[in-house]
Amino acid sequence: MNSPAGRHPLRCRCGTVRGYVAYGANTANRGVCYCKDCQAFARFLGDTGDILDDMGGTDVVATLPRYVTFTTGREALACMSLTPSGLLRWYASCCNTPIGNTPRNFKFSYVGLVHTCLEDPSISLESSFGPVRMRVNTKSAKGKPQATPISTLGAILRFMKMLIGARVGGSYRNTPFFDVASGAPIVAPKVLSGAERDRALP
């Protein structure tokens, strides 16, 4: 298993939800996703300017849930989904700060943390998680993002190795987003209605 070397602060805008993300060599991959669903999540939260870049991309830190710890405000966590089978998109209900995205099955040990909850004046995203190595779903971008095919492939392969290690080693059971005994998320997700989804999608 990878050994974390430090802790990057995690907090919502109002400070109710706080915690940290353990980081170190090969514990995370950073990328930008331009998909319409990520753009819809930002619209759902009502603050696209703070979440999306000029081309509609979301800066995401892909890591394992076991590296994420909430120290206060866990009761303020909420999650939504654009469809009944879509990703769970977590946010702080106190101030609508996006936290991250997880699969519905906790055995697939992944969380994509949105940059908004990780921005801190004491430490940069790059110093903790490295530079952006992936740019995905670029067809939905508002423009032409810089292509990163080689680094994207390398980042995906590294992360797949992490996912397999978590499953084989059993560390997927260490997650702050799910009740492992039941397999259910710690809060019931809000699934958008058709009308709500239409309003959120670009």
Protein backbone atom coordinates (compact mmCIF):
# COMPACT_ATOMS: atom_id res chain seq x y z
CA MET A 1 0.00 0.00 0.00
CA ASN A 2 1.10 3.57 -0.59
CA SER A 3 2.21 5.52 2.48
CA PRO A 4 0.77 9.03 2.85
CA ALA A 5 3.36 11.74 3.46
CA GLY A 6 1.10 14.58 4.57
CA ARG A 7 -2.41 15.89 5.07
CA HIS A 8 -4.11 18.35 2.75
CA PRO A 9 -6.92 20.40 4.38
CA LEU A 10 -10.50 19.81 3.27
CA ARG A 11 -13.29 22.23 4.18
CA CYS A 12 -16.54 23.64 2.87
CA ARG A 13 -16.91 27.37 2.23
CA CYS A 14 -18.60 28.14 5.55
CA GLY A 15 -16.30 25.88 7.58
CA THR A 16 -18.95 23.50 8.92
CA VAL A 17 -17.47 20.49 7.12
CA ARG A 18 -13.78 20.04 7.79
CA GLY A 19 -11.24 17.29 7.43
CA TYR A 20 -8.19 16.33 5.45
CA VAL A 21 -6.92 14.18 2.60
CA ALA A 22 -3.81 12.10 3.20
CA TYR A 23 -1.41 12.40 0.30
CA GLY A 24 1.90 10.98 -0.81
CA ALA A 25 3.61 9.34 -3.76
CA ASN A 26 1.07 7.61 -6.01
CA THR A 27 -1.95 8.19 -3.75
CA ALA A 28 -3.87 10.43 -6.16
CA ASN A 29 -4.21 11.61 -9.73
CA ARG A 30 -5.34 15.09 -10.68
CA GLY A 31 -7.39 15.81 -13.77
CA VAL A 32 -9.99 18.07 -15.34
CA CYS A 33 -13.35 16.68 -16.43
CA TYR A 34 -15.47 18.56 -18.96
CA CYS A 35 -18.46 16.22 -19.02
CA LYS A 36 -22.00 17.57 -19.07
CA ASP A 37 -22.82 15.76 -15.83
CA CYS A 38 -20.07 17.56 -13.90
CA GLN A 39 -21.29 20.82 -15.39
CA ALA A 40 -24.84 19.93 -14.31
CA PHE A 41 -23.62 19.26 -10.75
CA ALA A 42 -22.15 22.77 -10.63
CA ARG A 43 -25.44 24.23 -11.87
CA PHE A 44 -27.37 22.20 -9.29
CA LEU A 45 -25.22 23.76 -6.56
CA GLY A 46 -25.81 27.22 -8.03
CA ASP A 47 -22.23 28.47 -8.36
CA THR A 48 -20.65 27.47 -11.65
CA GLY A 49 -18.08 30.28 -11.53
CA ASP A 50 -16.43 28.88 -8.41
CA ILE A 51 -16.47 25.28 -9.62
CA LEU A 52 -15.99 25.30 -13.41
CA ASP A 53 -13.10 26.81 -15.35
CA ASP A 54 -13.53 28.98 -18.44
CA MET A 55 -14.06 25.91 -20.63
CA GLY A 56 -16.55 24.25 -18.31
CA GLY A 57 -14.06 21.87 -16.69
CA THR A 58 -13.91 20.71 -13.09
CA ASP A 59 -10.50 20.22 -11.46
CA VAL A 60 -10.76 16.85 -9.69
CA VAL A 61 -8.38 14.94 -7.41
CA ALA A 62 -8.95 11.22 -7.92
CA THR A 63 -8.00 9.22 -4.85
CA LEU A 64 -9.17 6.39 -2.60
CA PRO A 65 -11.87 7.03 0.03
CA ARG A 66 -9.60 5.62 2.73
CA TYR A 67 -7.41 8.71 2.38
CA VAL A 68 -10.33 11.05 3.17
CA THR A 69 -11.17 11.92 6.80
CA PHE A 70 -13.92 14.23 8.03
CA THR A 71 -13.14 15.68 11.45
CA THR A 72 -16.24 17.88 11.89
CA GLY A 73 -19.53 18.46 10.11
CA ARG A 74 -20.06 14.99 8.70
CA GLU A 75 -23.75 15.36 9.51
CA ALA A 76 -23.91 18.20 6.95
CA LEU A 77 -22.88 15.92 4.08
CA ALA A 78 -25.50 15.37 1.39
CA CYS A 79 -25.45 13.67 -1.98
CA MET A 80 -27.39 13.81 -5.21
CA SER A 81 -27.50 11.88 -8.44
CA LEU A 82 -28.58 12.98 -11.87
CA THR A 83 -30.17 9.57 -12.55
CA PRO A 84 -31.21 6.55 -10.46
CA SER A 85 -28.05 4.70 -11.49
CA GLY A 86 -25.62 7.62 -11.80
CA LEU A 87 -22.64 8.62 -9.70
CA LEU A 88 -23.25 9.88 -6.18
CA ARG A 89 -22.21 13.52 -6.06
CA TRP A 90 -21.42 14.67 -2.53
CA TYR A 91 -21.65 18.21 -1.22
CA ALA A 92 -21.93 20.20 2.00
CA SER A 93 -25.62 21.00 2.51
CA CYS A 94 -24.76 23.95 4.76
CA CYS A 95 -23.30 26.05 1.93
CA ASN A 96 -23.56 23.90 -1.24
CA THR A 97 -19.81 23.35 -1.50
CA PRO A 98 -19.04 20.36 -3.78
CA ILE A 99 -17.03 17.63 -2.06
CA GLY A 100 -16.65 14.84 -4.60
CA ASN A 101 -18.06 11.98 -6.64
CA THR A 102 -18.23 8.28 -5.78
CA PRO A 103 -19.64 5.20 -7.48
CA ARG A 104 -22.81 3.75 -5.95
CA ASN A 105 -20.97 0.55 -5.05
CA PHE A 106 -18.45 1.23 -2.27
CA LYS A 107 -16.45 -1.81 -3.33
CA PHE A 108 -15.27 0.27 -6.29
CA SER A 109 -12.91 2.32 -4.12
CA TYR A 110 -12.88 5.72 -5.78
CA VAL A 111 -13.63 9.33 -4.93
CA GLY A 112 -13.07 12.28 -7.23
CA LEU A 113 -12.66 15.29 -4.92
CA VAL A 114 -13.69 18.63 -6.40
CA HIS A 115 -11.04 21.34 -6.08
CA THR A 116 -13.41 23.78 -4.35
CA CYS A 117 -13.24 21.92 -1.03
CA LEU A 118 -9.45 21.56 -1.23
CA GLU A 119 -8.37 25.14 -1.89
CA ASP A 120 -6.35 26.44 1.05
CA PRO A 121 -3.92 29.36 1.35
CA SER A 122 -1.41 27.27 3.26
CA ILE A 123 -0.82 24.62 0.60
CA SER A 124 -1.48 24.33 -3.13
CA LEU A 125 -3.20 21.49 -4.94
CA GLU A 126 -0.11 20.96 -7.05
CA SER A 127 2.24 20.60 -4.09
CA SER A 128 -0.01 17.91 -2.56
CA PHE A 129 -1.39 16.10 -5.60
CA GLY A 130 0.84 17.11 -8.50
CA PRO A 131 -0.07 18.82 -11.76
CA VAL A 132 -3.12 18.09 -13.91
CA ARG A 133 -2.30 14.90 -15.80
CA MET A 134 -5.69 14.10 -17.34
CA ARG A 135 -8.19 16.08 -19.40
CA VAL A 136 -11.24 13.94 -20.10
CA ASN A 137 -14.60 14.31 -21.86
CA THR A 138 -13.20 17.24 -23.79
CA LYS A 139 -15.96 17.05 -26.42
CA SER A 140 -18.24 18.80 -23.93
CA ALA A 141 -15.74 21.61 -23.29
CA LYS A 142 -16.42 25.19 -24.28
CA GLY A 143 -13.35 25.40 -26.45
CA LYS A 144 -10.38 23.15 -27.14
CA PRO A 145 -8.53 22.08 -23.98
CA GLN A 146 -4.91 21.04 -24.28
CA ALA A 147 -4.74 17.35 -25.20
CA THR A 148 -2.90 15.07 -22.74
CA PRO A 149 -3.21 11.56 -24.24
CA ILE A 150 0.07 10.12 -22.94
CA SER A 151 -0.16 11.46 -19.38
CA THR A 152 -3.88 10.58 -19.27
CA LEU A 153 -3.16 6.96 -20.16
CA GLY A 154 -0.40 6.77 -17.57
CA ALA A 155 -2.60 8.30 -14.87
CA ILE A 156 -5.44 5.87 -15.63
CA LEU A 157 -3.13 2.86 -15.46
CA ARG A 158 -1.66 4.02 -12.14
CA PHE A 159 -5.09 4.58 -10.67
CA MET A 160 -6.37 1.21 -11.85
CA LYS A 161 -3.48 -0.36 -9.96
CA MET A 162 -4.59 1.52 -6.83
CA LEU A 163 -8.20 0.35 -7.25
CA ILE A 164 -7.16 -3.27 -7.67
CA GLY A 165 -4.90 -3.04 -4.63
CA ALA A 166 -7.74 -1.61 -2.53
CA ARG A 167 -10.09 -4.40 -3.56
CA VAL A 168 -7.61 -7.23 -3.07
CA GLY A 169 -6.24 -5.83 0.19
CA GLY A 170 -9.65 -4.99 1.62
CA SER A 171 -8.97 -1.29 2.24
CA TYR A 172 -12.06 -0.44 0.19
CA ARG A 173 -13.98 -1.06 3.43
CA ASN A 174 -12.44 2.10 4.87
CA THR A 175 -14.71 4.83 3.52
CA PRO A 176 -16.37 7.87 5.13
CA PHE A 177 -19.16 7.91 2.52
CA PHE A 178 -20.80 4.53 3.07
CA ASP A 179 -22.07 2.28 5.83
CA VAL A 180 -20.00 -0.77 5.02
CA ALA A 181 -22.29 -3.23 6.83
CA SER A 182 -25.27 -2.36 4.64
CA GLY A 183 -23.42 -1.02 1.60
CA ALA A 184 -25.63 2.07 1.62
CA PRO A 185 -24.40 5.68 1.45
CA ILE A 186 -24.45 7.42 4.85
CA VAL A 187 -27.21 9.72 3.58
CA ALA A 188 -29.96 8.94 1.10
CA PRO A 189 -29.15 10.46 -2.29
CA LYS A 190 -31.47 12.98 -3.89
CA VAL A 191 -32.20 11.73 -7.40
CA LEU A 192 -33.16 14.57 -9.70
CA SER A 193 -36.49 14.48 -11.44
CA GLY A 194 -36.59 14.80 -15.23
CA ALA A 195 -37.46 18.49 -14.97
CA GLU A 196 -34.70 19.15 -12.43
CA ARG A 197 -32.19 17.33 -14.61
CA ASP A 198 -33.22 19.31 -17.68
CA ARG A 199 -32.67 22.57 -15.81
CA ALA A 200 -29.22 21.48 -14.63
CA LEU A 201 -27.88 20.05 -17.87
CA PRO A 202 -26.18 22.43 -20.34
